[in-house]
Amino acid sequence: MTPFTKLTAIAAPFDMANVDTDKIIPARFLRKLRTAVAGYDPYLFHDMRFDAEGRERPEFVLNQPAYRGAGILVAGANFGCGSSREGAVYALLDYGIRCVIAPSFGDIHYANELQNGMLPVILEEDICRTLREQLRDRPGAQVTVDLESQTATGPDAATYPFEIDPTYRERLLKGLDDVGLVLEHLSEIETFEKRYHADQPWLA
């Protein structure tokens, strides 16, 4: 998993609240194989990005030239509510979005982002609204999210602190998923296994 320390990227304003995981990636696309070559990025917000004929909807924010390269999304409340599908996080990551800033998240989606190397940042509703207004006024503007200092900096250089569980903060900074976390203790595990099997030879 790629470590997350500090990200400065184009940010896209996403005004909708209660965006469920089926909006992030419709369920019918979860049957498709996700590989390093063919990710889930074509399906991100599919039914909002494209019309019935597969043509881009020009009014959708990520279809607008200034926001196409967005690496940060500033969303409304309760982002990622609904089902627990991890594919919603894959679609965001494959598109290139590594951070979502919102007033609140669906609990499972929040955890899924953390488990997959994304940083969900919770800021107050009025702060998120201010950031979205700035991003609409200055299309293509960047936001910086610094996990080490736990701050987000808007286009106007105003800085906002955010909270994150210390355990997840450490895992993101080191780029550790569940397997990586276990492997950090590999030597202790191997020492225990050798001692345990020496004490209980019948197990072998």
Protein backbone atom coordinates (compact mmCIF):
# COMPACT_ATOMS: atom_id res chain seq x y z
CA MET A 1 0.00 0.00 0.00
CA THR A 2 1.36 3.43 -0.92
CA PRO A 3 2.13 5.55 2.16
CA PHE A 4 0.08 8.70 2.63
CA THR A 5 2.03 11.60 4.09
CA LYS A 6 1.12 14.81 2.30
CA LEU A 7 -1.03 15.38 -0.78
CA THR A 8 -1.35 18.55 -2.80
CA ALA A 9 -3.78 18.09 -5.67
CA ILE A 10 -6.55 19.60 -7.71
CA ALA A 11 -9.74 19.37 -5.66
CA ALA A 12 -13.23 18.96 -7.07
CA PRO A 13 -16.35 20.31 -5.34
CA PHE A 14 -19.01 17.61 -5.01
CA ASP A 15 -22.07 19.26 -3.51
CA MET A 16 -24.37 16.28 -3.16
CA ALA A 17 -25.07 14.91 0.33
CA ASN A 18 -25.93 11.29 1.15
CA VAL A 19 -23.95 9.91 -1.78
CA ASP A 20 -24.32 6.17 -1.37
CA THR A 21 -21.89 3.55 -2.62
CA ASP A 22 -24.21 2.61 -5.48
CA LYS A 23 -23.80 6.14 -6.82
CA ILE A 24 -20.04 5.89 -6.41
CA ILE A 25 -20.03 2.65 -8.40
CA PRO A 26 -23.27 1.02 -9.56
CA ALA A 27 -23.58 -2.62 -8.47
CA ARG A 28 -23.69 -3.99 -12.03
CA PHE A 29 -20.02 -3.07 -12.55
CA LEU A 30 -18.76 -5.00 -9.54
CA ARG A 31 -18.82 -8.20 -11.59
CA LYS A 32 -16.04 -6.85 -13.79
CA LEU A 33 -12.46 -7.92 -13.19
CA ARG A 34 -10.27 -5.26 -11.62
CA THR A 35 -6.63 -5.44 -12.68
CA ALA A 36 -3.59 -3.18 -12.68
CA VAL A 37 -4.30 -2.46 -16.35
CA ALA A 38 -8.10 -2.18 -16.24
CA GLY A 39 -9.27 -0.59 -13.01
CA TYR A 40 -12.67 0.59 -11.84
CA ASP A 41 -12.10 4.23 -12.80
CA PRO A 42 -14.44 4.13 -15.85
CA TYR A 43 -17.31 3.24 -13.48
CA LEU A 44 -16.77 5.95 -10.87
CA PHE A 45 -20.04 7.91 -10.54
CA HIS A 46 -20.97 6.22 -13.82
CA ASP A 47 -24.66 7.05 -13.96
CA MET A 48 -23.96 10.66 -13.09
CA ARG A 49 -20.94 11.01 -15.40
CA PHE A 50 -22.53 9.41 -18.47
CA ASP A 51 -25.92 9.36 -20.18
CA ALA A 52 -27.76 6.25 -21.37
CA GLU A 53 -25.68 6.21 -24.58
CA GLY A 54 -22.39 6.41 -22.67
CA ARG A 55 -21.74 10.04 -23.52
CA GLU A 56 -20.24 12.33 -20.90
CA ARG A 57 -22.63 14.69 -19.16
CA PRO A 58 -20.83 18.05 -19.49
CA GLU A 59 -22.44 19.43 -16.32
CA PHE A 60 -20.93 16.71 -14.12
CA VAL A 61 -17.99 18.14 -12.19
CA LEU A 62 -15.39 15.50 -13.08
CA ASN A 63 -16.20 15.90 -16.78
CA GLN A 64 -15.23 19.56 -16.68
CA PRO A 65 -11.66 20.17 -17.90
CA ALA A 66 -10.48 21.98 -14.76
CA TYR A 67 -11.42 19.08 -12.49
CA ARG A 68 -10.53 16.04 -14.61
CA GLY A 69 -7.25 15.52 -12.81
CA ALA A 70 -8.73 15.84 -9.32
CA GLY A 71 -6.95 13.94 -6.57
CA ILE A 72 -9.15 15.29 -3.77
CA LEU A 73 -12.93 15.42 -3.53
CA VAL A 74 -14.70 17.87 -1.23
CA ALA A 75 -18.11 16.33 -0.67
CA GLY A 76 -21.33 16.78 1.25
CA ALA A 77 -22.44 15.04 4.42
CA ASN A 78 -22.76 11.26 4.80
CA PHE A 79 -20.47 10.41 1.89
CA GLY A 80 -20.34 6.68 1.10
CA CYS A 81 -23.49 5.69 2.95
CA GLY A 82 -25.48 2.59 2.03
CA SER A 83 -23.93 -0.79 1.28
CA SER A 84 -20.48 -1.85 2.39
CA ARG A 85 -19.03 -2.47 -1.09
CA GLU A 86 -15.27 -2.00 -1.18
CA GLY A 87 -15.49 -1.43 -4.92
CA ALA A 88 -16.54 2.16 -4.18
CA VAL A 89 -13.08 2.81 -2.77
CA TYR A 90 -11.40 0.99 -5.66
CA ALA A 91 -13.23 3.23 -8.13
CA LEU A 92 -12.09 6.39 -6.33
CA LEU A 93 -8.51 5.19 -6.08
CA ASP A 94 -8.34 3.98 -9.68
CA TYR A 95 -9.57 7.37 -10.85
CA GLY A 96 -6.77 9.00 -8.85
CA ILE A 97 -8.64 10.32 -5.82
CA ARG A 98 -6.73 9.60 -2.60
CA CYS A 99 -8.58 11.90 -0.23
CA VAL A 100 -12.23 12.78 0.35
CA ILE A 101 -13.06 15.72 2.61
CA ALA A 102 -16.61 15.73 3.97
CA PRO A 103 -18.60 16.63 7.10
CA SER A 104 -19.35 12.95 7.71
CA PHE A 105 -19.02 9.51 6.11
CA GLY A 106 -20.84 6.22 6.09
CA ASP A 107 -19.06 4.23 8.82
CA ILE A 108 -18.12 1.22 6.69
CA HIS A 109 -17.03 3.32 3.73
CA TYR A 110 -14.85 5.43 6.04
CA ALA A 111 -13.13 2.27 7.27
CA ASN A 112 -12.78 0.93 3.72
CA GLU A 113 -11.01 4.11 2.62
CA LEU A 114 -8.53 3.82 5.48
CA GLN A 115 -7.93 0.12 4.80
CA ASN A 116 -7.05 0.86 1.16
CA GLY A 117 -4.69 3.79 1.60
CA MET A 118 -7.17 6.65 1.19
CA LEU A 119 -7.52 9.44 3.72
CA PRO A 120 -11.08 10.42 4.66
CA VAL A 121 -10.97 13.86 6.31
CA ILE A 122 -13.87 15.07 8.45
CA LEU A 123 -14.30 18.84 8.62
CA GLU A 124 -17.28 20.87 9.78
CA GLU A 125 -20.13 21.46 7.36
CA ASP A 126 -19.48 25.19 7.01
CA ILE A 127 -15.79 24.59 6.29
CA CYS A 128 -16.59 22.05 3.59
CA ARG A 129 -19.12 24.47 2.11
CA THR A 130 -16.51 27.25 2.07
CA LEU A 131 -13.97 24.97 0.38
CA ARG A 132 -16.48 23.95 -2.29
CA GLU A 133 -17.35 27.60 -2.97
CA GLN A 134 -13.67 28.44 -3.39
CA LEU A 135 -13.15 25.51 -5.73
CA ARG A 136 -16.13 26.54 -7.87
CA ASP A 137 -14.83 30.12 -7.98
CA ARG A 138 -11.33 28.96 -8.88
CA PRO A 139 -11.65 25.84 -11.07
CA GLY A 140 -8.50 23.77 -10.96
CA ALA A 141 -7.39 25.15 -7.59
CA GLN A 142 -5.44 22.86 -5.29
CA VAL A 143 -5.95 21.73 -1.72
CA THR A 144 -3.22 20.31 0.50
CA VAL A 145 -3.86 17.58 3.03
CA ASP A 146 -0.98 16.88 5.43
CA LEU A 147 -1.43 13.75 7.50
CA GLU A 148 1.69 14.34 9.58
CA SER A 149 0.40 17.70 10.86
CA GLN A 150 -3.26 16.63 10.51
CA THR A 151 -4.21 19.75 8.59
CA ALA A 152 -6.04 20.60 5.37
CA THR A 153 -5.18 23.82 3.56
CA GLY A 154 -7.66 25.43 1.18
CA PRO A 155 -7.06 27.45 -1.99
CA ASP A 156 -7.05 30.64 0.11
CA ALA A 157 -4.23 29.23 2.31
CA ALA A 158 -6.54 28.89 5.33
CA THR A 159 -5.59 25.80 7.34
CA TYR A 160 -7.99 23.51 9.16
CA PRO A 161 -7.02 20.78 11.67
CA PHE A 162 -8.68 17.38 11.52
CA GLU A 163 -8.77 14.34 13.77
CA ILE A 164 -7.90 10.74 12.91
CA ASP A 165 -7.43 7.64 15.02
CA PRO A 166 -3.70 7.41 15.88
CA THR A 167 -3.54 3.76 14.83
CA TYR A 168 -4.88 4.48 11.35
CA ARG A 169 -2.70 7.56 11.07
CA GLU A 170 0.39 5.45 11.72
CA ARG A 171 -0.71 2.79 9.25
CA LEU A 172 -1.32 5.33 6.49
CA LEU A 173 1.99 7.10 7.10
CA LYS A 174 3.81 3.76 6.81
CA GLY A 175 1.63 2.40 4.00
CA LEU A 176 0.56 -0.66 5.97
CA ASP A 177 -2.53 -2.73 5.19
CA ASP A 178 -3.58 -5.63 7.45
CA VAL A 179 -0.95 -7.94 5.97
CA GLY A 180 1.77 -5.31 6.23
CA LEU A 181 0.83 -4.68 9.84
CA VAL A 182 1.28 -8.37 10.65
CA LEU A 183 4.58 -8.55 8.76
CA GLU A 184 5.97 -5.80 10.97
CA HIS A 185 5.94 -8.41 13.74
CA LEU A 186 7.21 -11.29 11.61
CA SER A 187 10.34 -11.94 13.65
CA GLU A 188 8.34 -12.13 16.90
CA ILE A 189 5.82 -14.45 15.24
CA GLU A 190 8.57 -16.76 13.96
CA THR A 191 10.26 -16.82 17.38
CA PHE A 192 6.95 -17.75 19.03
CA GLU A 193 6.26 -20.47 16.44
CA LYS A 194 9.69 -22.07 16.93
CA ARG A 195 9.34 -22.03 20.72
CA TYR A 196 5.75 -23.30 20.60
CA HIS A 197 6.59 -26.20 18.29
CA ALA A 198 9.63 -27.08 20.39
CA ASP A 199 7.38 -27.29 23.45
CA GLN A 200 4.67 -29.19 21.54
CA PRO A 201 6.56 -31.41 19.03
CA TRP A 202 3.49 -33.58 18.44
CA LEU A 203 1.92 -30.65 16.52
CA ALA A 204 4.37 -31.22 13.67
